[in-house]
């Protein structure tokens, strides 16, 4: 789903119009809610990605990764694991290699802002974002709508709980490595 589709689906669930004027009224708040949900889901499902980084003097900066790094998981060069540790400066990582390395890390997705932006999450989680947007909007309303917000938050959390990492193709294979040899 795109951000536009998420907003439209939330408006429909809230039984509000989906004309361009209504869309524009809710776009800012719904975009914020969608970004909060995207970050929550990324943390809950330990989203990770692998990017290639060029080492300079055996080090690289965490800030040079394309997404905000939450946790560094693995570094490899030519398919072989590389030992790494924190550098002398904050945000620097030292690796036992030279040149380009593959860095696997948990990340926070890029915030949604344009109508055509897609969440950096598996498609199965996009409907969860809609549920969160509806819940957040209801909780921000007057007292008569706030009571219904908890039901939508429960629904969001239930959707999140029922989806497993295997459902989304996120299951990792772990292997034991003998680092002594």
Protein backbone atom coordinates (compact mmCIF):
# COMPACT_ATOMS: atom_id res chain seq x y z
CA UNK A 1 0.00 0.00 0.00
CA UNK A 2 1.11 3.55 -0.62
CA UNK A 3 0.71 6.31 1.95
CA UNK A 4 -2.24 7.58 -0.11
CA UNK A 5 -3.91 4.14 0.03
CA UNK A 6 -3.29 3.91 3.78
CA UNK A 7 -4.90 7.30 4.37
CA UNK A 8 -7.85 6.47 2.11
CA UNK A 9 -8.43 3.11 3.85
CA UNK A 10 -8.34 4.80 7.26
CA UNK A 11 -10.80 7.47 6.12
CA UNK A 12 -13.15 4.76 4.86
CA UNK A 13 -12.95 2.83 8.15
CA UNK A 14 -13.72 6.05 10.01
CA UNK A 15 -16.67 6.60 7.65
CA UNK A 16 -15.35 9.92 6.48
CA UNK A 17 -15.34 11.16 2.92
CA UNK A 18 -12.48 10.27 0.61
CA UNK A 19 -12.67 13.39 -1.55
CA UNK A 20 -9.52 15.47 -2.03
CA UNK A 21 -10.59 18.14 0.48
CA UNK A 22 -11.13 15.59 3.27
CA UNK A 23 -7.90 13.84 2.30
CA UNK A 24 -5.96 17.10 2.64
CA UNK A 25 -7.51 17.83 6.05
CA UNK A 26 -6.32 14.50 7.51
CA UNK A 27 -3.14 13.91 5.52
CA UNK A 28 -0.72 15.49 8.03
CA UNK A 29 -2.00 13.74 11.13
CA UNK A 30 -2.53 10.41 9.37
CA UNK A 31 1.01 10.54 7.96
CA UNK A 32 2.39 11.01 11.48
CA UNK A 33 0.30 8.11 12.78
CA UNK A 34 1.43 5.90 9.88
CA UNK A 35 5.09 6.68 10.62
CA UNK A 36 4.65 5.82 14.31
CA UNK A 37 3.04 2.50 13.34
CA UNK A 38 5.77 1.77 10.79
CA UNK A 39 8.49 2.27 13.41
CA UNK A 40 6.61 0.17 15.98
CA UNK A 41 6.18 -2.68 13.50
CA UNK A 42 9.82 -2.49 12.36
CA UNK A 43 10.96 -2.85 15.97
CA UNK A 44 8.46 -5.63 16.74
CA UNK A 45 9.51 -7.72 13.75
CA UNK A 46 13.23 -6.84 13.95
CA UNK A 47 13.41 -5.58 10.37
CA UNK A 48 16.91 -5.78 8.93
CA UNK A 49 18.66 -5.03 5.68
CA UNK A 50 22.12 -5.48 4.20
CA UNK A 51 24.02 -2.64 2.54
CA UNK A 52 27.50 -2.44 1.06
CA UNK A 53 29.84 0.06 2.70
CA UNK A 54 33.41 0.98 1.77
CA UNK A 55 35.80 0.86 4.71
CA UNK A 56 38.27 3.71 5.06
CA UNK A 57 41.24 2.85 7.22
CA UNK A 58 39.39 -0.28 8.36
CA UNK A 59 36.44 1.77 9.71
CA UNK A 60 33.08 3.16 8.69
CA UNK A 61 30.55 5.47 10.27
CA UNK A 62 27.12 4.15 11.28
CA UNK A 63 25.77 7.41 9.81
CA UNK A 64 26.97 6.33 6.34
CA UNK A 65 24.33 3.57 6.26
CA UNK A 66 21.26 4.48 4.17
CA UNK A 67 18.83 3.90 7.07
CA UNK A 68 18.97 4.65 10.78
CA UNK A 69 20.84 1.72 12.38
CA UNK A 70 19.22 0.32 15.52
CA UNK A 71 21.56 -2.65 15.91
CA UNK A 72 24.55 -3.91 13.93
CA UNK A 73 24.08 -7.64 13.26
CA UNK A 74 26.79 -8.88 10.92
CA UNK A 75 29.61 -7.78 8.65
CA UNK A 76 30.98 -9.90 5.83
CA UNK A 77 33.38 -9.61 2.91
CA UNK A 78 33.10 -11.94 -0.06
CA UNK A 79 30.61 -14.09 1.88
CA UNK A 80 32.89 -14.60 4.89
CA UNK A 81 32.20 -13.18 8.34
CA UNK A 82 34.38 -10.32 9.47
CA UNK A 83 35.12 -9.49 13.12
CA UNK A 84 34.09 -5.96 14.14
CA UNK A 85 34.06 -3.69 17.17
CA UNK A 86 33.35 -0.11 18.09
CA UNK A 87 35.86 2.41 16.81
CA UNK A 88 37.66 5.04 18.82
CA UNK A 89 34.98 7.64 18.05
CA UNK A 90 31.26 7.37 18.77
CA UNK A 91 29.38 6.01 15.78
CA UNK A 92 32.45 4.46 14.16
CA UNK A 93 32.83 0.72 13.58
CA UNK A 94 36.18 -0.96 13.06
CA UNK A 95 36.26 -4.15 10.96
CA UNK A 96 38.98 -6.69 10.20
CA UNK A 97 38.84 -6.10 6.45
CA UNK A 98 39.60 -3.62 3.70
CA UNK A 99 37.51 -2.29 0.84
CA UNK A 100 33.79 -3.01 0.49
CA UNK A 101 31.93 -5.00 3.15
CA UNK A 102 28.31 -6.13 3.47
CA UNK A 103 26.74 -4.73 6.64
CA UNK A 104 23.55 -6.34 7.97
CA UNK A 105 21.71 -4.24 10.53
CA UNK A 106 18.34 -3.63 12.12
CA UNK A 107 16.94 -0.33 10.98
CA UNK A 108 14.12 2.13 11.32
CA UNK A 109 12.31 2.63 8.02
CA UNK A 110 12.48 5.88 6.13
CA UNK A 111 9.54 8.09 7.16
CA UNK A 112 6.58 8.22 4.80
CA UNK A 113 5.94 11.69 3.39
CA UNK A 114 4.84 11.54 -0.26
CA UNK A 115 1.51 10.06 -1.30
CA UNK A 116 3.34 7.43 -3.39
CA UNK A 117 5.73 6.32 -0.59
CA UNK A 118 5.42 2.67 0.42
CA UNK A 119 6.25 1.47 3.95
CA UNK A 120 9.55 -0.39 4.14
CA UNK A 121 7.76 -3.35 5.67
CA UNK A 122 6.40 -6.60 4.26
CA UNK A 123 3.02 -6.14 2.54
CA UNK A 124 1.31 -8.24 5.22
CA UNK A 125 1.94 -5.45 7.74
CA UNK A 126 0.43 -2.60 5.72
CA UNK A 127 -3.11 -3.26 6.97
CA UNK A 128 -1.77 -3.04 10.53
CA UNK A 129 -0.69 0.51 9.76
CA UNK A 130 -4.24 1.37 8.70
CA UNK A 131 -5.57 -0.07 11.98
CA UNK A 132 -3.09 2.01 13.97
CA UNK A 133 -4.02 5.20 12.08
CA UNK A 134 -7.72 4.60 12.84
CA UNK A 135 -6.98 3.91 16.53
CA UNK A 136 -4.77 6.99 16.87
CA UNK A 137 -7.36 9.21 15.18
CA UNK A 138 -10.11 7.95 17.45
CA UNK A 139 -7.97 8.55 20.54
CA UNK A 140 -7.30 12.14 19.44
CA UNK A 141 -11.01 12.93 19.09
CA UNK A 142 -13.54 14.07 21.62
CA UNK A 143 -14.67 12.00 24.60
CA UNK A 144 -17.37 10.22 22.61
CA UNK A 145 -14.85 8.74 20.15
CA UNK A 146 -11.99 8.14 22.58
CA UNK A 147 -13.84 5.22 24.15
CA UNK A 148 -13.73 3.33 20.86
CA UNK A 149 -10.00 3.94 20.41
CA UNK A 150 -8.99 1.16 22.80
CA UNK A 151 -10.84 -1.40 20.68
CA UNK A 152 -8.92 -0.31 17.59
CA UNK A 153 -5.60 -0.38 19.48
CA UNK A 154 -6.46 -3.90 20.66
CA UNK A 155 -7.25 -4.87 17.08
CA UNK A 156 -3.89 -3.42 15.92
CA UNK A 157 -1.99 -5.33 18.61
CA UNK A 158 -3.89 -8.54 17.82
CA UNK A 159 -3.03 -8.21 14.12
CA UNK A 160 0.61 -7.66 15.05
CA UNK A 161 0.62 -10.63 17.43
CA UNK A 162 -0.92 -13.04 14.93
CA UNK A 163 1.59 -12.32 12.19
CA UNK A 164 4.76 -14.29 12.64
CA UNK A 165 8.20 -13.71 11.19
CA UNK A 166 7.73 -16.86 9.09
CA UNK A 167 4.49 -15.44 7.60
CA UNK A 168 6.48 -12.53 6.24
CA UNK A 169 9.52 -14.43 5.02
CA UNK A 170 11.66 -12.91 7.77
CA UNK A 171 12.76 -16.19 9.33
CA UNK A 172 16.51 -16.25 9.69
CA UNK A 173 18.68 -19.33 9.69
CA UNK A 174 21.22 -19.31 12.47
CA UNK A 175 24.45 -21.23 12.28
CA UNK A 176 27.12 -21.84 14.82
CA UNK A 177 30.51 -20.50 13.83
CA UNK A 178 33.72 -21.68 15.41
CA UNK A 179 35.64 -18.45 15.88
CA UNK A 180 38.71 -20.26 17.23
CA UNK A 181 39.83 -21.49 13.82
